[in-house]
N, C-alpha and C. Protein backbone atom coordinates (compact mmCIF):
# COMPACT_ATOMS: atom_id res chain seq x y z
N MET A 1 -101.82 -55.73 -8.16
CA MET A 1 -100.99 -55.27 -8.85
C MET A 1 -100.91 -55.93 -9.87
N THR A 2 -101.24 -55.51 -11.38
CA THR A 2 -101.19 -56.26 -12.68
C THR A 2 -100.31 -56.04 -13.36
N GLY A 3 -100.27 -56.64 -14.44
CA GLY A 3 -99.22 -56.29 -15.63
C GLY A 3 -98.03 -56.79 -15.23
N PRO A 4 -96.91 -56.36 -16.16
CA PRO A 4 -95.59 -56.90 -16.12
C PRO A 4 -95.13 -55.99 -14.70
N MET A 5 -93.94 -56.90 -13.97
CA MET A 5 -93.63 -56.52 -12.90
C MET A 5 -92.12 -56.27 -12.80
N ASN A 6 -91.18 -55.25 -12.68
CA ASN A 6 -89.87 -54.85 -12.73
C ASN A 6 -89.34 -55.59 -11.34
N TRP A 7 -89.22 -56.79 -11.45
CA TRP A 7 -88.57 -57.57 -10.24
C TRP A 7 -87.23 -56.99 -9.80
N ASP A 8 -86.44 -56.53 -10.53
CA ASP A 8 -85.23 -55.92 -10.44
C ASP A 8 -85.15 -54.44 -9.95
N ALA A 9 -86.43 -53.82 -9.79
CA ALA A 9 -86.63 -52.52 -9.41
C ALA A 9 -85.57 -52.34 -8.00
N HIS A 10 -85.09 -51.07 -8.16
CA HIS A 10 -84.67 -50.96 -6.36
C HIS A 10 -85.37 -50.32 -5.72
N CYS A 11 -85.16 -51.37 -4.25
CA CYS A 11 -86.30 -50.67 -3.47
C CYS A 11 -85.52 -50.73 -1.94
N THR A 12 -86.49 -50.14 -1.09
CA THR A 12 -85.98 -50.28 0.43
C THR A 12 -87.28 -50.74 1.34
N LEU A 13 -86.40 -51.49 2.09
CA LEU A 13 -87.33 -52.50 3.40
C LEU A 13 -86.98 -51.09 4.36
N HIS A 14 -88.59 -51.19 5.01
CA HIS A 14 -88.99 -50.22 6.03
C HIS A 14 -89.56 -50.75 7.29
N ARG A 15 -89.52 -50.17 8.45
CA ARG A 15 -90.45 -50.17 9.24
C ARG A 15 -91.72 -49.74 8.92
N ALA A 16 -92.85 -50.52 8.80
CA ALA A 16 -94.32 -49.94 8.99
C ALA A 16 -94.69 -48.66 9.20
N ASP A 17 -94.27 -48.82 10.92
CA ASP A 17 -94.23 -47.60 11.60
C ASP A 17 -93.39 -46.51 11.69
N ASP A 18 -92.29 -46.41 10.62
CA ASP A 18 -91.30 -45.71 10.73
C ASP A 18 -91.76 -43.84 10.30
N GLY A 19 -93.23 -43.68 10.15
CA GLY A 19 -93.41 -42.75 9.65
C GLY A 19 -93.09 -41.90 8.16
N GLY A 20 -92.33 -42.15 7.54
CA GLY A 20 -92.20 -41.55 6.30
C GLY A 20 -91.83 -40.39 6.44
N GLY A 21 -91.92 -39.67 5.64
CA GLY A 21 -92.04 -37.71 5.76
C GLY A 21 -90.52 -37.64 5.25
N LEU A 22 -89.97 -36.20 5.36
CA LEU A 22 -89.06 -35.81 4.51
C LEU A 22 -87.71 -36.77 4.91
N LEU A 23 -87.22 -37.36 6.28
CA LEU A 23 -85.92 -38.21 6.13
C LEU A 23 -86.27 -39.74 5.63
N ASP A 24 -87.29 -39.89 5.04
CA ASP A 24 -87.57 -41.20 4.66
C ASP A 24 -86.59 -42.25 4.23
N GLY A 25 -85.78 -41.67 3.15
CA GLY A 25 -84.53 -42.15 2.68
C GLY A 25 -83.36 -42.68 3.54
N LEU A 26 -83.34 -42.41 4.71
CA LEU A 26 -82.41 -42.71 5.99
C LEU A 26 -83.20 -43.67 6.83
N LYS A 27 -84.14 -43.86 6.85
CA LYS A 27 -84.89 -45.04 7.74
C LYS A 27 -85.10 -46.26 7.08
N GLY A 28 -84.36 -46.31 5.94
CA GLY A 28 -84.63 -47.71 5.57
C GLY A 28 -83.43 -48.73 6.54
N ILE A 29 -84.16 -49.79 6.18
CA ILE A 29 -83.45 -51.18 6.88
C ILE A 29 -82.47 -51.99 6.06
N ARG A 30 -83.19 -51.97 4.85
CA ARG A 30 -82.18 -52.67 4.07
C ARG A 30 -82.44 -52.49 2.42
N ARG A 31 -81.62 -52.41 1.71
CA ARG A 31 -81.89 -52.08 0.07
C ARG A 31 -81.90 -53.48 -0.88
N GLY A 32 -82.39 -53.77 -1.73
CA GLY A 32 -82.23 -54.56 -2.65
C GLY A 32 -83.29 -54.64 -3.72
N SER A 33 -83.54 -55.77 -4.60
CA SER A 33 -84.79 -55.59 -5.82
C SER A 33 -85.80 -55.94 -5.02
N LEU A 34 -86.79 -55.67 -5.90
CA LEU A 34 -88.14 -55.88 -5.59
C LEU A 34 -88.26 -57.31 -4.96
N ALA A 35 -88.17 -58.39 -5.99
CA ALA A 35 -88.20 -59.63 -6.00
C ALA A 35 -87.33 -60.09 -4.45
N GLN A 36 -86.19 -59.83 -4.08
CA GLN A 36 -85.52 -60.07 -2.93
C GLN A 36 -86.32 -59.77 -1.53
N LEU A 37 -86.84 -58.54 -1.53
CA LEU A 37 -87.28 -57.74 -0.35
C LEU A 37 -88.91 -58.41 -0.39
N VAL A 38 -89.46 -58.80 -1.06
CA VAL A 38 -90.44 -59.38 -1.20
C VAL A 38 -90.14 -60.89 -0.74
N ARG A 39 -89.62 -61.34 -0.78
CA ARG A 39 -88.81 -62.88 -0.71
C ARG A 39 -88.42 -62.76 0.92
N GLN A 40 -87.94 -61.97 1.28
CA GLN A 40 -87.19 -61.50 2.45
C GLN A 40 -88.46 -61.39 3.55
N ILE A 41 -89.42 -60.43 3.15
CA ILE A 41 -90.67 -60.51 3.96
C ILE A 41 -91.52 -61.90 4.23
N MET A 42 -91.58 -62.19 3.12
CA MET A 42 -92.35 -63.58 3.05
C MET A 42 -91.96 -64.77 3.73
N MET A 43 -90.21 -64.74 4.02
CA MET A 43 -89.78 -65.77 4.87
C MET A 43 -89.92 -65.61 6.28
N MET A 44 -90.41 -64.35 6.69
CA MET A 44 -90.26 -64.16 8.17
C MET A 44 -91.49 -64.72 8.96
N PRO A 45 -91.29 -64.93 10.13
CA PRO A 45 -92.78 -65.54 10.48
C PRO A 45 -93.90 -64.72 10.55
N ARG A 46 -95.05 -65.57 10.22
CA ARG A 46 -96.19 -64.95 9.84
C ARG A 46 -96.53 -63.50 10.85
N GLU A 47 -96.46 -63.44 12.08
CA GLU A 47 -96.82 -62.80 13.10
C GLU A 47 -95.73 -61.47 12.75
N ARG A 48 -94.73 -61.33 11.94
CA ARG A 48 -93.68 -60.41 12.00
C ARG A 48 -94.03 -59.47 10.46
N ARG A 49 -94.67 -60.32 9.68
CA ARG A 49 -94.70 -59.69 8.15
C ARG A 49 -95.11 -58.24 8.47
N ARG A 50 -96.47 -58.35 9.06
CA ARG A 50 -97.00 -56.88 8.70
C ARG A 50 -96.47 -55.69 9.53
N GLU A 51 -95.05 -55.98 10.01
CA GLU A 51 -94.34 -55.02 10.52
C GLU A 51 -93.43 -54.24 9.46
N PHE A 52 -93.57 -54.62 8.50
CA PHE A 52 -92.73 -53.76 7.44
C PHE A 52 -93.56 -53.73 6.16
N GLU A 53 -92.74 -52.58 5.23
CA GLU A 53 -92.97 -52.20 4.14
C GLU A 53 -91.97 -52.41 3.10
N ILE A 54 -92.12 -52.32 1.78
CA ILE A 54 -91.22 -52.18 0.61
C ILE A 54 -91.59 -50.74 0.15
N GLU A 55 -90.61 -49.97 -0.16
CA GLU A 55 -91.09 -48.49 -0.67
C GLU A 55 -90.20 -48.92 -1.99
N LYS A 56 -91.00 -48.80 -3.23
CA LYS A 56 -90.54 -48.93 -4.64
C LYS A 56 -89.92 -47.20 -4.95
N SER A 57 -88.68 -47.27 -5.59
CA SER A 57 -88.10 -46.11 -5.92
C SER A 57 -88.84 -45.08 -6.59
N GLY A 58 -89.07 -43.96 -6.05
CA GLY A 58 -90.01 -43.08 -6.76
C GLY A 58 -91.64 -43.38 -7.00
N ASP A 59 -91.77 -44.52 -6.17
CA ASP A 59 -93.50 -44.86 -6.23
C ASP A 59 -94.10 -44.95 -5.18
N HIS A 60 -94.31 -45.85 -4.32
CA HIS A 60 -95.19 -45.92 -3.04
C HIS A 60 -94.69 -46.84 -2.35
N ARG A 61 -95.05 -46.85 -1.39
CA ARG A 61 -95.00 -48.08 -0.12
C ARG A 61 -95.89 -49.56 -0.41
N LEU A 62 -95.37 -50.48 -0.58
CA LEU A 62 -96.04 -51.84 -0.46
C LEU A 62 -96.07 -52.19 0.90
N ASN A 63 -97.55 -52.22 1.12
CA ASN A 63 -98.00 -52.86 2.61
C ASN A 63 -97.79 -54.22 2.52
N TYR A 64 -98.28 -54.70 3.56
CA TYR A 64 -98.15 -56.49 4.04
C TYR A 64 -99.22 -56.98 2.57
N TRP A 65 -100.20 -56.68 2.70
CA TRP A 65 -101.20 -57.10 2.09
C TRP A 65 -100.91 -57.10 0.31
N GLU A 66 -100.16 -56.05 -0.09
CA GLU A 66 -99.69 -55.67 -1.61
C GLU A 66 -98.27 -56.83 -1.81
N ILE A 67 -97.71 -57.06 -0.53
CA ILE A 67 -96.33 -57.74 -0.74
C ILE A 67 -96.85 -59.22 -0.83
N ALA A 68 -97.74 -59.39 -0.16
CA ALA A 68 -98.53 -61.26 -0.05
C ALA A 68 -98.72 -61.70 -1.33
N ALA A 69 -99.79 -60.58 -1.78
CA ALA A 69 -100.13 -60.56 -3.35
C ALA A 69 -99.40 -60.95 -4.45
N ILE A 70 -98.09 -59.82 -4.67
CA ILE A 70 -97.25 -60.40 -5.56
C ILE A 70 -96.49 -61.44 -5.45
N SER A 71 -96.05 -61.75 -4.06
CA SER A 71 -95.53 -63.25 -3.70
C SER A 71 -96.27 -64.24 -4.33
N ARG A 72 -97.62 -64.40 -5.04
CA ARG A 72 -98.30 -65.34 -5.32
C ARG A 72 -98.18 -65.13 -6.40
N ARG A 73 -97.69 -64.13 -7.46
CA ARG A 73 -97.73 -63.87 -8.66
C ARG A 73 -97.04 -65.24 -9.56
N GLY A 74 -97.48 -65.77 -10.55
CA GLY A 74 -96.83 -66.91 -11.26
C GLY A 74 -95.74 -66.14 -11.86
N ASP A 75 -95.09 -65.28 -12.05
CA ASP A 75 -93.89 -64.76 -12.85
C ASP A 75 -92.88 -64.33 -11.35
N PHE A 76 -93.35 -64.79 -10.09
CA PHE A 76 -92.48 -64.27 -9.14
C PHE A 76 -91.18 -65.29 -9.18
N PRO A 77 -89.78 -64.66 -9.06
CA PRO A 77 -88.73 -65.45 -9.40
C PRO A 77 -88.18 -66.23 -8.62
N PHE A 78 -88.88 -66.32 -7.25
CA PHE A 78 -88.69 -67.15 -6.04
C PHE A 78 -89.86 -68.10 -5.68
N PRO A 79 -89.66 -69.39 -6.35
CA PRO A 79 -91.12 -70.26 -5.93
C PRO A 79 -91.17 -70.41 -4.45
């Protein structure tokens, strides 16, 4: 992901294996900003990080590899 990042975008944390679908909105574990949820996942033990994805409002789900990449961006608000 390149270009400006909206770190305050409303997002939802999901289990990666929850299947998505019609009732996807009800399967969220936690809601917060993109920056907060990226930080939460990256603070988890390394072996658990792939169990979760972040759904950006009206966009798509970020998998672990995308989350790890954006956590290394120079403009990430949590060093």
